[in-house]
N, C-alpha and C. Protein backbone atom coordinates (compact mmCIF):
# COMPACT_ATOMS: atom_id res chain seq x y z
N UNK A 1 -10.05 -10.04 -17.63
CA UNK A 1 -10.75 -9.13 -18.52
C UNK A 1 -12.23 -9.52 -18.56
N UNK A 2 -13.10 -8.60 -18.14
CA UNK A 2 -14.53 -8.91 -18.05
C UNK A 2 -15.29 -8.23 -19.18
N UNK A 3 -16.06 -9.01 -19.89
CA UNK A 3 -16.93 -8.46 -20.93
C UNK A 3 -18.34 -8.99 -20.70
N UNK A 4 -19.30 -8.31 -21.29
CA UNK A 4 -20.70 -8.67 -21.11
C UNK A 4 -21.32 -8.95 -22.48
N UNK A 5 -21.40 -10.22 -22.84
CA UNK A 5 -21.93 -10.58 -24.16
C UNK A 5 -23.44 -10.81 -24.12
N UNK A 6 -24.08 -10.53 -25.23
CA UNK A 6 -25.50 -10.81 -25.39
C UNK A 6 -25.73 -11.37 -26.79
N UNK A 7 -26.44 -12.47 -26.87
CA UNK A 7 -26.79 -13.00 -28.19
C UNK A 7 -27.72 -12.00 -28.88
N UNK A 8 -27.41 -11.67 -30.12
CA UNK A 8 -28.18 -10.66 -30.85
C UNK A 8 -29.16 -11.30 -31.83
N UNK A 9 -28.63 -12.09 -32.78
CA UNK A 9 -29.50 -12.71 -33.78
C UNK A 9 -28.73 -13.74 -34.58
N UNK A 10 -29.49 -14.59 -35.31
CA UNK A 10 -28.93 -15.55 -36.26
C UNK A 10 -29.36 -15.11 -37.66
N UNK A 11 -28.41 -15.02 -38.56
CA UNK A 11 -28.69 -14.57 -39.92
C UNK A 11 -28.43 -15.67 -40.92
N UNK A 12 -29.38 -15.94 -41.76
CA UNK A 12 -29.22 -16.92 -42.84
C UNK A 12 -29.32 -16.25 -44.21
N UNK A 13 -29.30 -14.92 -44.21
CA UNK A 13 -29.28 -14.14 -45.45
C UNK A 13 -28.71 -12.77 -45.12
N UNK A 14 -28.18 -12.11 -46.13
CA UNK A 14 -27.58 -10.80 -45.92
C UNK A 14 -28.60 -9.79 -45.41
N UNK A 15 -29.86 -9.98 -45.77
CA UNK A 15 -30.90 -9.05 -45.32
C UNK A 15 -31.18 -9.17 -43.83
N UNK A 16 -30.67 -10.23 -43.19
CA UNK A 16 -30.87 -10.44 -41.76
C UNK A 16 -29.77 -9.79 -40.92
N UNK A 17 -28.68 -9.35 -41.55
CA UNK A 17 -27.57 -8.78 -40.79
C UNK A 17 -28.02 -7.52 -40.06
N UNK A 18 -27.49 -7.27 -38.85
CA UNK A 18 -27.80 -6.00 -38.20
C UNK A 18 -27.12 -4.85 -38.94
N UNK A 19 -27.63 -3.63 -38.79
CA UNK A 19 -26.98 -2.49 -39.45
C UNK A 19 -25.51 -2.40 -39.04
N UNK A 20 -24.60 -2.17 -39.97
CA UNK A 20 -23.17 -2.06 -39.63
C UNK A 20 -22.91 -0.81 -38.79
N UNK A 21 -22.42 -1.02 -37.58
CA UNK A 21 -22.24 0.13 -36.68
C UNK A 21 -20.96 0.08 -35.87
N UNK A 22 -20.53 -1.13 -35.49
CA UNK A 22 -19.34 -1.27 -34.64
C UNK A 22 -18.43 -2.33 -35.26
N UNK A 23 -17.14 -2.36 -34.86
CA UNK A 23 -16.24 -3.38 -35.40
C UNK A 23 -16.75 -4.79 -35.12
N UNK A 24 -16.56 -5.66 -36.11
CA UNK A 24 -17.02 -7.05 -35.99
C UNK A 24 -15.83 -8.00 -36.10
N UNK A 25 -15.82 -9.00 -35.23
CA UNK A 25 -14.76 -10.01 -35.19
C UNK A 25 -15.38 -11.34 -35.58
N UNK A 26 -14.94 -11.89 -36.71
CA UNK A 26 -15.53 -13.13 -37.23
C UNK A 26 -14.71 -14.34 -36.78
N UNK A 27 -15.40 -15.39 -36.37
CA UNK A 27 -14.79 -16.66 -35.97
C UNK A 27 -15.11 -17.70 -37.04
N UNK A 28 -14.06 -18.23 -37.66
CA UNK A 28 -14.22 -19.20 -38.74
C UNK A 28 -13.36 -20.42 -38.47
N UNK A 29 -13.82 -21.58 -38.95
CA UNK A 29 -13.00 -22.78 -38.78
C UNK A 29 -13.74 -24.03 -39.18
N UNK A 30 -13.01 -25.12 -39.24
CA UNK A 30 -13.61 -26.41 -39.53
C UNK A 30 -14.62 -26.78 -38.45
N UNK A 31 -15.55 -27.66 -38.80
CA UNK A 31 -16.68 -27.94 -37.93
C UNK A 31 -16.30 -28.59 -36.60
N UNK A 32 -15.13 -29.20 -36.51
CA UNK A 32 -14.74 -29.86 -35.27
C UNK A 32 -13.52 -29.20 -34.63
N UNK A 33 -13.32 -27.91 -34.89
CA UNK A 33 -12.10 -27.24 -34.44
C UNK A 33 -12.21 -26.71 -33.01
N UNK A 34 -13.42 -26.72 -32.43
CA UNK A 34 -13.59 -26.20 -31.08
C UNK A 34 -13.93 -24.72 -31.05
N UNK A 35 -14.62 -24.26 -32.08
CA UNK A 35 -14.94 -22.84 -32.21
C UNK A 35 -15.87 -22.36 -31.09
N UNK A 36 -16.93 -23.12 -30.82
CA UNK A 36 -17.87 -22.73 -29.78
C UNK A 36 -17.21 -22.71 -28.40
N UNK A 37 -16.35 -23.69 -28.14
CA UNK A 37 -15.66 -23.74 -26.85
C UNK A 37 -14.76 -22.54 -26.67
N UNK A 38 -14.05 -22.14 -27.72
CA UNK A 38 -13.17 -20.98 -27.63
C UNK A 38 -13.98 -19.70 -27.44
N UNK A 39 -15.08 -19.57 -28.16
CA UNK A 39 -15.94 -18.40 -28.00
C UNK A 39 -16.43 -18.29 -26.55
N UNK A 40 -16.90 -19.38 -25.99
CA UNK A 40 -17.39 -19.36 -24.62
C UNK A 40 -16.28 -19.06 -23.62
N UNK A 41 -15.08 -19.56 -23.88
CA UNK A 41 -13.95 -19.28 -22.99
C UNK A 41 -13.58 -17.80 -23.04
N UNK A 42 -13.60 -17.22 -24.22
CA UNK A 42 -13.30 -15.79 -24.35
C UNK A 42 -14.34 -14.94 -23.63
N UNK A 43 -15.60 -15.32 -23.77
CA UNK A 43 -16.69 -14.51 -23.24
C UNK A 43 -16.98 -14.79 -21.78
N UNK A 44 -16.45 -15.87 -21.25
CA UNK A 44 -16.63 -16.16 -19.84
C UNK A 44 -18.02 -16.66 -19.50
N UNK A 45 -18.78 -17.07 -20.50
CA UNK A 45 -20.13 -17.59 -20.28
C UNK A 45 -20.52 -18.45 -21.47
N UNK A 46 -21.55 -19.27 -21.27
CA UNK A 46 -21.97 -20.17 -22.34
C UNK A 46 -22.92 -19.43 -23.29
N UNK A 47 -22.34 -18.87 -24.33
CA UNK A 47 -23.11 -18.15 -25.34
C UNK A 47 -23.30 -19.00 -26.60
N UNK A 48 -22.20 -19.62 -27.04
CA UNK A 48 -22.25 -20.46 -28.24
C UNK A 48 -22.54 -21.90 -27.83
N UNK A 49 -23.39 -22.57 -28.58
CA UNK A 49 -23.76 -23.95 -28.27
C UNK A 49 -22.64 -24.90 -28.66
N UNK A 50 -22.20 -25.71 -27.68
CA UNK A 50 -21.18 -26.71 -27.93
C UNK A 50 -21.87 -28.05 -28.17
N UNK A 51 -21.74 -28.55 -29.39
CA UNK A 51 -22.44 -29.78 -29.77
C UNK A 51 -21.46 -30.93 -29.95
N UNK A 52 -21.92 -32.14 -29.65
CA UNK A 52 -21.10 -33.33 -29.90
C UNK A 52 -21.11 -33.69 -31.38
N UNK A 53 -22.03 -33.09 -32.13
CA UNK A 53 -22.11 -33.33 -33.57
C UNK A 53 -21.59 -32.11 -34.31
N UNK A 54 -20.44 -32.21 -34.98
CA UNK A 54 -19.90 -31.06 -35.70
C UNK A 54 -20.85 -30.56 -36.78
N UNK A 55 -20.78 -29.24 -37.02
CA UNK A 55 -21.51 -28.68 -38.14
C UNK A 55 -22.92 -28.23 -37.83
N UNK A 56 -23.27 -28.05 -36.55
CA UNK A 56 -24.62 -27.66 -36.20
C UNK A 56 -24.91 -26.18 -36.51
N UNK A 57 -23.89 -25.34 -36.48
CA UNK A 57 -24.10 -23.93 -36.78
C UNK A 57 -24.32 -23.75 -38.28
N UNK A 58 -25.51 -23.31 -38.67
CA UNK A 58 -25.82 -23.17 -40.09
C UNK A 58 -26.13 -21.71 -40.45
N UNK A 59 -25.99 -20.80 -39.48
CA UNK A 59 -26.24 -19.38 -39.70
C UNK A 59 -25.04 -18.60 -39.19
N UNK A 60 -25.02 -17.30 -39.48
CA UNK A 60 -24.05 -16.42 -38.84
C UNK A 60 -24.70 -15.90 -37.57
N UNK A 61 -24.15 -16.26 -36.42
CA UNK A 61 -24.68 -15.82 -35.14
C UNK A 61 -23.94 -14.58 -34.67
N UNK A 62 -24.69 -13.53 -34.37
CA UNK A 62 -24.12 -12.26 -33.93
C UNK A 62 -24.26 -12.14 -32.41
N UNK A 63 -23.16 -11.75 -31.75
CA UNK A 63 -23.15 -11.49 -30.32
C UNK A 63 -22.70 -10.06 -30.08
N UNK A 64 -23.44 -9.34 -29.25
CA UNK A 64 -23.08 -7.97 -28.88
C UNK A 64 -22.16 -8.01 -27.67
N UNK A 65 -21.05 -7.26 -27.73
CA UNK A 65 -20.04 -7.27 -26.66
C UNK A 65 -19.92 -5.87 -26.08
N UNK A 66 -20.07 -5.75 -24.75
CA UNK A 66 -19.84 -4.48 -24.06
C UNK A 66 -18.90 -4.71 -22.88
N UNK A 67 -18.42 -3.61 -22.30
CA UNK A 67 -17.53 -3.71 -21.13
C UNK A 67 -18.27 -3.37 -19.84
N UNK A 68 -19.59 -3.22 -19.91
CA UNK A 68 -20.37 -2.86 -18.73
C UNK A 68 -21.76 -3.47 -18.83
N UNK A 69 -22.31 -3.95 -17.71
CA UNK A 69 -23.66 -4.54 -17.76
C UNK A 69 -24.76 -3.50 -18.02
N UNK A 70 -24.43 -2.22 -17.87
CA UNK A 70 -25.45 -1.19 -18.08
C UNK A 70 -25.24 -0.42 -19.38
N UNK A 71 -24.17 -0.70 -20.07
CA UNK A 71 -23.90 -0.01 -21.33
C UNK A 71 -24.84 -0.53 -22.41
N UNK A 72 -25.50 0.37 -23.09
CA UNK A 72 -26.47 -0.01 -24.11
C UNK A 72 -25.81 -0.22 -25.47
N UNK A 73 -24.93 0.69 -25.86
CA UNK A 73 -24.29 0.61 -27.17
C UNK A 73 -23.17 -0.43 -27.16
N UNK A 74 -23.21 -1.43 -28.03
CA UNK A 74 -22.13 -2.43 -28.05
C UNK A 74 -20.80 -1.82 -28.49
N UNK A 75 -19.72 -2.37 -27.97
CA UNK A 75 -18.38 -1.96 -28.41
C UNK A 75 -17.98 -2.67 -29.69
N UNK A 76 -18.45 -3.90 -29.82
CA UNK A 76 -18.13 -4.70 -30.99
C UNK A 76 -19.13 -5.84 -31.09
N UNK A 77 -19.14 -6.48 -32.23
CA UNK A 77 -19.89 -7.72 -32.42
C UNK A 77 -18.90 -8.86 -32.63
N UNK A 78 -19.19 -10.02 -32.05
CA UNK A 78 -18.55 -11.27 -32.43
C UNK A 78 -19.51 -11.97 -33.38
N UNK A 79 -18.98 -12.52 -34.46
CA UNK A 79 -19.82 -13.28 -35.40
C UNK A 79 -19.28 -14.70 -35.52
N UNK A 80 -20.15 -15.64 -35.25
CA UNK A 80 -19.83 -17.07 -35.30
C UNK A 80 -20.35 -17.63 -36.61
N UNK A 81 -19.43 -17.97 -37.52
CA UNK A 81 -19.81 -18.42 -38.85
C UNK A 81 -19.89 -19.94 -38.93
N UNK A 82 -20.71 -20.47 -39.85
CA UNK A 82 -20.83 -21.93 -39.99
C UNK A 82 -19.48 -22.58 -40.27
N UNK A 83 -19.30 -23.77 -39.69
CA UNK A 83 -18.07 -24.51 -39.92
C UNK A 83 -18.05 -25.13 -41.31
N UNK A 84 -16.90 -25.66 -41.66
CA UNK A 84 -16.74 -26.28 -42.97
C UNK A 84 -15.85 -27.50 -42.83
N UNK A 85 -15.83 -28.35 -43.86
CA UNK A 85 -14.88 -29.45 -43.91
C UNK A 85 -15.31 -30.73 -43.24
N UNK A 86 -16.54 -30.77 -42.68
CA UNK A 86 -17.01 -32.01 -42.06
C UNK A 86 -17.77 -32.82 -43.11
N UNK A 87 -17.33 -34.04 -43.37
CA UNK A 87 -17.78 -34.79 -44.55
C UNK A 87 -19.29 -34.93 -44.66
N UNK A 88 -19.98 -35.18 -43.54
CA UNK A 88 -21.40 -35.47 -43.60
C UNK A 88 -22.24 -34.25 -43.97
N UNK A 89 -21.75 -33.07 -43.73
CA UNK A 89 -22.56 -31.88 -44.00
C UNK A 89 -21.84 -30.88 -44.89
N UNK A 90 -20.64 -31.21 -45.34
CA UNK A 90 -19.83 -30.22 -46.05
C UNK A 90 -20.48 -29.75 -47.34
N UNK A 91 -21.19 -30.64 -48.06
CA UNK A 91 -21.80 -30.23 -49.32
C UNK A 91 -22.90 -29.21 -49.11
N UNK A 92 -23.74 -29.44 -48.08
CA UNK A 92 -24.84 -28.51 -47.84
C UNK A 92 -24.31 -27.18 -47.32
N UNK A 93 -23.33 -27.23 -46.46
CA UNK A 93 -22.76 -25.99 -45.95
C UNK A 93 -22.04 -25.24 -47.06
N UNK A 94 -21.30 -25.97 -47.88
CA UNK A 94 -20.59 -25.33 -48.99
C UNK A 94 -21.54 -24.62 -49.93
N UNK A 95 -22.73 -25.19 -50.11
CA UNK A 95 -23.72 -24.56 -50.98
C UNK A 95 -24.24 -23.25 -50.39
N UNK A 96 -24.21 -23.15 -49.05
CA UNK A 96 -24.71 -21.95 -48.40
C UNK A 96 -23.69 -20.81 -48.40
N UNK A 97 -22.41 -21.14 -48.50
CA UNK A 97 -21.38 -20.13 -48.39
C UNK A 97 -21.53 -19.00 -49.40
N UNK A 98 -21.71 -19.28 -50.69
CA UNK A 98 -21.82 -18.16 -51.65
C UNK A 98 -23.05 -17.29 -51.44
N UNK A 99 -24.09 -17.82 -50.78
CA UNK A 99 -25.34 -17.10 -50.63
C UNK A 99 -25.22 -15.91 -49.67
N UNK A 100 -24.59 -16.13 -48.51
CA UNK A 100 -24.53 -15.03 -47.54
C UNK A 100 -23.23 -14.98 -46.74
N UNK A 101 -22.47 -16.06 -46.74
CA UNK A 101 -21.24 -16.07 -45.95
C UNK A 101 -20.11 -15.37 -46.70
N UNK A 102 -19.91 -15.74 -47.96
CA UNK A 102 -18.89 -15.05 -48.75
C UNK A 102 -19.20 -13.56 -48.91
N UNK A 103 -20.46 -13.17 -49.19
CA UNK A 103 -20.74 -11.73 -49.23
C UNK A 103 -20.45 -11.02 -47.90
N UNK A 104 -20.71 -11.71 -46.79
CA UNK A 104 -20.39 -11.11 -45.49
C UNK A 104 -18.89 -10.87 -45.38
N UNK A 105 -18.10 -11.87 -45.71
CA UNK A 105 -16.64 -11.75 -45.59
C UNK A 105 -16.07 -10.74 -46.57
N UNK A 106 -16.67 -10.65 -47.72
CA UNK A 106 -16.13 -9.80 -48.78
C UNK A 106 -16.59 -8.35 -48.68
N UNK A 107 -17.84 -8.13 -48.27
CA UNK A 107 -18.43 -6.80 -48.42
C UNK A 107 -18.78 -6.10 -47.11
N UNK A 108 -18.82 -6.80 -46.01
CA UNK A 108 -19.24 -6.20 -44.74
C UNK A 108 -18.22 -5.14 -44.31
N UNK A 109 -18.63 -3.89 -44.31
CA UNK A 109 -17.66 -2.80 -44.11
C UNK A 109 -17.17 -2.70 -42.67
N UNK A 110 -17.90 -3.24 -41.71
CA UNK A 110 -17.49 -3.16 -40.31
C UNK A 110 -16.73 -4.42 -39.85
N UNK A 111 -16.48 -5.35 -40.75
CA UNK A 111 -15.72 -6.55 -40.39
C UNK A 111 -14.25 -6.16 -40.19
N UNK A 112 -13.80 -6.22 -38.93
CA UNK A 112 -12.47 -5.71 -38.59
C UNK A 112 -11.39 -6.78 -38.57
N UNK A 113 -11.76 -8.02 -38.23
CA UNK A 113 -10.77 -9.09 -38.10
C UNK A 113 -11.43 -10.44 -38.27
N UNK A 114 -10.78 -11.32 -39.03
CA UNK A 114 -11.23 -12.70 -39.18
C UNK A 114 -10.28 -13.61 -38.40
N UNK A 115 -10.82 -14.35 -37.46
CA UNK A 115 -10.04 -15.32 -36.70
C UNK A 115 -10.23 -16.69 -37.34
N UNK A 116 -9.17 -17.21 -37.93
CA UNK A 116 -9.22 -18.50 -38.62
C UNK A 116 -8.75 -19.58 -37.66
N UNK A 117 -9.68 -20.34 -37.12
CA UNK A 117 -9.35 -21.36 -36.13
C UNK A 117 -8.92 -22.65 -36.81
N UNK A 118 -7.79 -23.19 -36.36
CA UNK A 118 -7.29 -24.46 -36.86
C UNK A 118 -6.91 -25.33 -35.67
N UNK A 119 -7.01 -26.63 -35.83
CA UNK A 119 -6.65 -27.57 -34.77
C UNK A 119 -5.13 -27.69 -34.75
N UNK A 120 -4.52 -27.28 -33.65
CA UNK A 120 -3.06 -27.31 -33.56
C UNK A 120 -2.49 -28.71 -33.46
N UNK A 121 -3.37 -29.73 -33.30
CA UNK A 121 -2.90 -31.11 -33.14
C UNK A 121 -2.82 -31.89 -34.45
N UNK A 122 -3.29 -31.28 -35.55
CA UNK A 122 -3.28 -32.00 -36.82
C UNK A 122 -2.53 -31.18 -37.87
N UNK A 123 -2.08 -31.81 -38.95
CA UNK A 123 -1.36 -31.07 -39.99
C UNK A 123 -2.25 -30.01 -40.64
N UNK A 124 -1.65 -29.04 -41.30
CA UNK A 124 -2.42 -28.02 -42.01
C UNK A 124 -3.39 -28.65 -43.01
N UNK A 125 -4.60 -28.13 -43.06
CA UNK A 125 -5.64 -28.68 -43.93
C UNK A 125 -5.85 -27.79 -45.16
N UNK A 126 -6.14 -28.42 -46.28
CA UNK A 126 -6.35 -27.68 -47.51
C UNK A 126 -7.50 -26.70 -47.43
N UNK A 127 -8.58 -27.07 -46.70
CA UNK A 127 -9.73 -26.18 -46.58
C UNK A 127 -9.38 -24.92 -45.80
N UNK A 128 -8.47 -25.05 -44.82
CA UNK A 128 -8.03 -23.87 -44.07
C UNK A 128 -7.20 -22.93 -44.95
N UNK A 129 -6.32 -23.51 -45.74
CA UNK A 129 -5.52 -22.70 -46.65
C UNK A 129 -6.41 -22.02 -47.68
N UNK A 130 -7.44 -22.71 -48.13
CA UNK A 130 -8.37 -22.13 -49.09
C UNK A 130 -9.06 -20.91 -48.49
N UNK A 131 -9.48 -21.01 -47.23
CA UNK A 131 -10.11 -19.87 -46.56
C UNK A 131 -9.14 -18.70 -46.44
N UNK A 132 -7.92 -18.99 -46.02
CA UNK A 132 -6.92 -17.93 -45.85
C UNK A 132 -6.62 -17.25 -47.18
N UNK A 133 -6.51 -18.02 -48.23
CA UNK A 133 -6.26 -17.43 -49.55
C UNK A 133 -7.44 -16.56 -49.99
N UNK A 134 -8.66 -16.99 -49.66
CA UNK A 134 -9.83 -16.17 -49.98
C UNK A 134 -9.77 -14.84 -49.23
N UNK A 135 -9.45 -14.89 -47.93
CA UNK A 135 -9.37 -13.66 -47.14
C UNK A 135 -8.28 -12.72 -47.66
N UNK A 136 -7.17 -13.31 -48.09
CA UNK A 136 -6.11 -12.49 -48.70
C UNK A 136 -6.60 -11.83 -49.98
N UNK A 137 -7.38 -12.59 -50.77
CA UNK A 137 -7.83 -12.07 -52.06
C UNK A 137 -8.81 -10.91 -51.91
N UNK A 138 -9.55 -10.88 -50.78
CA UNK A 138 -10.50 -9.78 -50.55
C UNK A 138 -9.94 -8.77 -49.55
N UNK A 139 -8.65 -8.92 -49.22
CA UNK A 139 -7.92 -7.95 -48.40
C UNK A 139 -8.53 -7.80 -47.00
N UNK A 140 -8.83 -8.94 -46.37
CA UNK A 140 -9.34 -8.92 -45.00
C UNK A 140 -8.24 -9.23 -44.00
N UNK A 141 -8.09 -8.43 -42.94
CA UNK A 141 -7.15 -8.77 -41.88
C UNK A 141 -7.56 -10.09 -41.22
N UNK A 142 -6.58 -10.95 -40.95
CA UNK A 142 -6.91 -12.22 -40.31
C UNK A 142 -5.80 -12.63 -39.36
N UNK A 143 -6.15 -13.50 -38.44
CA UNK A 143 -5.19 -14.11 -37.51
C UNK A 143 -5.54 -15.58 -37.41
N UNK A 144 -4.55 -16.44 -37.60
CA UNK A 144 -4.77 -17.88 -37.44
C UNK A 144 -4.63 -18.23 -35.96
N UNK A 145 -5.62 -18.93 -35.42
CA UNK A 145 -5.63 -19.31 -34.00
C UNK A 145 -5.60 -20.83 -33.91
N UNK A 146 -4.53 -21.37 -33.35
CA UNK A 146 -4.41 -22.80 -33.15
C UNK A 146 -5.12 -23.22 -31.87
N UNK A 147 -6.20 -24.00 -31.99
CA UNK A 147 -6.98 -24.41 -30.83
C UNK A 147 -6.43 -25.71 -30.22
N UNK A 148 -6.93 -26.02 -29.03
CA UNK A 148 -6.62 -27.28 -28.32
C UNK A 148 -5.12 -27.42 -28.06
N UNK A 149 -4.45 -26.29 -27.83
CA UNK A 149 -3.00 -26.31 -27.62
C UNK A 149 -2.60 -27.01 -26.33
N UNK A 150 -3.54 -27.18 -25.40
CA UNK A 150 -3.24 -27.86 -24.13
C UNK A 150 -2.88 -29.33 -24.35
N UNK A 151 -3.24 -29.88 -25.50
CA UNK A 151 -2.96 -31.29 -25.79
C UNK A 151 -1.54 -31.52 -26.30
N UNK A 152 -0.81 -30.45 -26.52
CA UNK A 152 0.54 -30.56 -27.07
C UNK A 152 1.59 -30.31 -25.99
N UNK A 153 2.70 -31.02 -26.10
CA UNK A 153 3.85 -30.74 -25.25
C UNK A 153 4.55 -29.50 -25.78
N UNK A 154 5.51 -29.00 -25.05
CA UNK A 154 6.26 -27.82 -25.52
C UNK A 154 6.93 -28.10 -26.85
N UNK A 155 7.51 -29.29 -26.99
CA UNK A 155 8.14 -29.67 -28.25
C UNK A 155 7.10 -29.82 -29.36
N UNK A 156 5.93 -30.37 -28.99
CA UNK A 156 4.86 -30.54 -29.96
C UNK A 156 4.33 -29.20 -30.45
N UNK A 157 4.23 -28.23 -29.55
CA UNK A 157 3.77 -26.89 -29.94
C UNK A 157 4.75 -26.25 -30.92
N UNK A 158 6.04 -26.40 -30.64
CA UNK A 158 7.05 -25.81 -31.52
C UNK A 158 6.98 -26.42 -32.91
N UNK A 159 6.83 -27.74 -32.99
CA UNK A 159 6.73 -28.42 -34.29
C UNK A 159 5.45 -28.03 -35.02
N UNK A 160 4.34 -27.95 -34.27
CA UNK A 160 3.07 -27.58 -34.88
C UNK A 160 3.10 -26.16 -35.41
N UNK A 161 3.73 -25.26 -34.66
CA UNK A 161 3.83 -23.87 -35.09
C UNK A 161 4.55 -23.75 -36.42
N UNK A 162 5.65 -24.47 -36.54
CA UNK A 162 6.43 -24.44 -37.79
C UNK A 162 5.60 -25.02 -38.94
N UNK A 163 4.95 -26.16 -38.69
CA UNK A 163 4.17 -26.83 -39.75
C UNK A 163 2.99 -25.97 -40.20
N UNK A 164 2.29 -25.35 -39.25
CA UNK A 164 1.13 -24.55 -39.60
C UNK A 164 1.53 -23.28 -40.34
N UNK A 165 2.59 -22.65 -39.89
CA UNK A 165 3.04 -21.44 -40.58
C UNK A 165 3.45 -21.75 -42.01
N UNK A 166 4.13 -22.86 -42.19
CA UNK A 166 4.56 -23.24 -43.53
C UNK A 166 3.36 -23.67 -44.38
N UNK A 167 2.52 -24.53 -43.84
CA UNK A 167 1.41 -25.09 -44.61
C UNK A 167 0.32 -24.08 -44.93
N UNK A 168 0.12 -23.10 -44.02
CA UNK A 168 -0.93 -22.11 -44.23
C UNK A 168 -0.38 -20.79 -44.77
N UNK A 169 0.91 -20.75 -44.97
CA UNK A 169 1.57 -19.63 -45.63
C UNK A 169 1.31 -18.30 -44.92
N UNK A 170 1.48 -18.31 -43.59
CA UNK A 170 1.30 -17.10 -42.81
C UNK A 170 2.15 -17.15 -41.54
N UNK A 171 2.57 -15.98 -41.08
CA UNK A 171 3.30 -15.88 -39.82
C UNK A 171 2.36 -15.46 -38.69
N UNK A 172 1.16 -15.00 -39.04
CA UNK A 172 0.22 -14.49 -38.05
C UNK A 172 -0.54 -15.64 -37.41
N UNK A 173 0.03 -16.20 -36.34
CA UNK A 173 -0.53 -17.40 -35.73
C UNK A 173 -0.36 -17.35 -34.22
N UNK A 174 -1.42 -17.71 -33.51
CA UNK A 174 -1.43 -17.70 -32.04
C UNK A 174 -2.06 -18.99 -31.55
N UNK A 175 -1.44 -19.63 -30.55
CA UNK A 175 -2.00 -20.84 -29.96
C UNK A 175 -2.87 -20.49 -28.74
N UNK A 176 -3.99 -21.21 -28.60
CA UNK A 176 -4.91 -20.98 -27.49
C UNK A 176 -5.44 -22.31 -26.96
N UNK A 177 -5.98 -22.25 -25.76
CA UNK A 177 -6.67 -23.41 -25.19
C UNK A 177 -7.91 -22.93 -24.46
N UNK A 178 -9.08 -23.40 -24.90
CA UNK A 178 -10.31 -23.08 -24.19
C UNK A 178 -10.34 -23.77 -22.84
N UNK A 179 -9.62 -24.88 -22.72
CA UNK A 179 -9.63 -25.67 -21.48
C UNK A 179 -8.80 -25.02 -20.39
N UNK A 180 -7.61 -24.56 -20.72
CA UNK A 180 -6.71 -23.99 -19.70
C UNK A 180 -6.70 -22.47 -19.69
N UNK A 181 -7.20 -21.86 -20.75
CA UNK A 181 -7.16 -20.40 -20.84
C UNK A 181 -5.88 -19.86 -21.43
N UNK A 182 -4.95 -20.72 -21.77
CA UNK A 182 -3.68 -20.27 -22.34
C UNK A 182 -3.92 -19.54 -23.65
N UNK A 183 -3.29 -18.39 -23.80
CA UNK A 183 -3.38 -17.62 -25.04
C UNK A 183 -4.59 -16.72 -25.15
N UNK A 184 -5.55 -16.83 -24.23
CA UNK A 184 -6.76 -16.02 -24.35
C UNK A 184 -6.48 -14.53 -24.14
N UNK A 185 -5.58 -14.20 -23.21
CA UNK A 185 -5.23 -12.80 -22.98
C UNK A 185 -4.63 -12.19 -24.24
N UNK A 186 -3.71 -12.93 -24.87
CA UNK A 186 -3.07 -12.43 -26.09
C UNK A 186 -4.09 -12.30 -27.22
N UNK A 187 -5.05 -13.22 -27.27
CA UNK A 187 -6.08 -13.14 -28.30
C UNK A 187 -6.97 -11.92 -28.09
N UNK A 188 -7.35 -11.66 -26.84
CA UNK A 188 -8.13 -10.45 -26.55
C UNK A 188 -7.36 -9.19 -26.95
N UNK A 189 -6.07 -9.18 -26.68
CA UNK A 189 -5.26 -8.01 -27.05
C UNK A 189 -5.29 -7.78 -28.56
N UNK A 190 -5.18 -8.86 -29.33
CA UNK A 190 -5.23 -8.75 -30.80
C UNK A 190 -6.59 -8.25 -31.25
N UNK A 191 -7.64 -8.74 -30.60
CA UNK A 191 -9.01 -8.34 -30.96
C UNK A 191 -9.21 -6.85 -30.69
N UNK A 192 -8.85 -6.40 -29.49
CA UNK A 192 -9.05 -4.99 -29.14
C UNK A 192 -8.18 -4.07 -29.99
N UNK A 193 -6.98 -4.51 -30.28
CA UNK A 193 -6.10 -3.69 -31.12
C UNK A 193 -6.71 -3.48 -32.50
N UNK A 194 -7.16 -4.57 -33.10
CA UNK A 194 -7.71 -4.46 -34.45
C UNK A 194 -9.04 -3.69 -34.45
N UNK A 195 -9.87 -3.91 -33.41
CA UNK A 195 -11.15 -3.19 -33.32
C UNK A 195 -10.88 -1.69 -33.18
N UNK A 196 -9.89 -1.33 -32.37
CA UNK A 196 -9.54 0.08 -32.21
C UNK A 196 -9.04 0.70 -33.50
N UNK A 197 -8.23 -0.04 -34.24
CA UNK A 197 -7.73 0.46 -35.52
C UNK A 197 -8.87 0.65 -36.52
N UNK A 198 -9.84 -0.29 -36.49
CA UNK A 198 -10.97 -0.17 -37.41
C UNK A 198 -11.83 1.04 -37.07
N UNK A 199 -12.04 1.29 -35.78
CA UNK A 199 -12.83 2.44 -35.36
C UNK A 199 -12.13 3.74 -35.76
N UNK A 200 -10.80 3.77 -35.57
CA UNK A 200 -10.03 4.98 -35.89
C UNK A 200 -10.09 5.28 -37.39
N UNK A 201 -9.96 4.24 -38.21
CA UNK A 201 -9.99 4.45 -39.66
C UNK A 201 -11.39 4.83 -40.14
N UNK A 202 -12.42 4.30 -39.45
CA UNK A 202 -13.79 4.64 -39.84
C UNK A 202 -14.14 6.08 -39.46
N UNK A 203 -13.53 6.54 -38.34
CA UNK A 203 -13.82 7.90 -37.88
C UNK A 203 -13.06 8.94 -38.68
């Protein structure tokens, strides 16, 4: 599946957001969950910066996605949101969330799907459950994506799936690997399905 991504802008306030026009897919997760790596694997190019220091993303980064190199109008936007839960920067990032991140998640009318990235190699985290409960409270569609699944054996994946579903109180969960590409096709299918549904309901 070939897509043509273009970095659009970084927003640190709601007034910086582009005009709502196409379905938007938000990527959220803890600061060391591998969010940038998964974004780059999905897009087939290095768009998101992969840092050895978690928590470097401090803005909402918008990427325009098209299916043709000559198509001008984007089909959708990917939005890369600041990470959370990393001890050294969690207080400063947490302070920024109510300013423009929570309003984006709660009020952005073109936000079609929230992808909640969790590390499939560790037990369910309270901060991830807190995010999921927030998305439920504002009635946002979401899908939990277990990253780094290549590090698990088949038995380990089965155990992790059960633990994450129970701990995060959701059945909507998909495992992926930015390293091997496992699960990326299924994730794209979920993205396109939800984007199509959002366009249909908006029209």
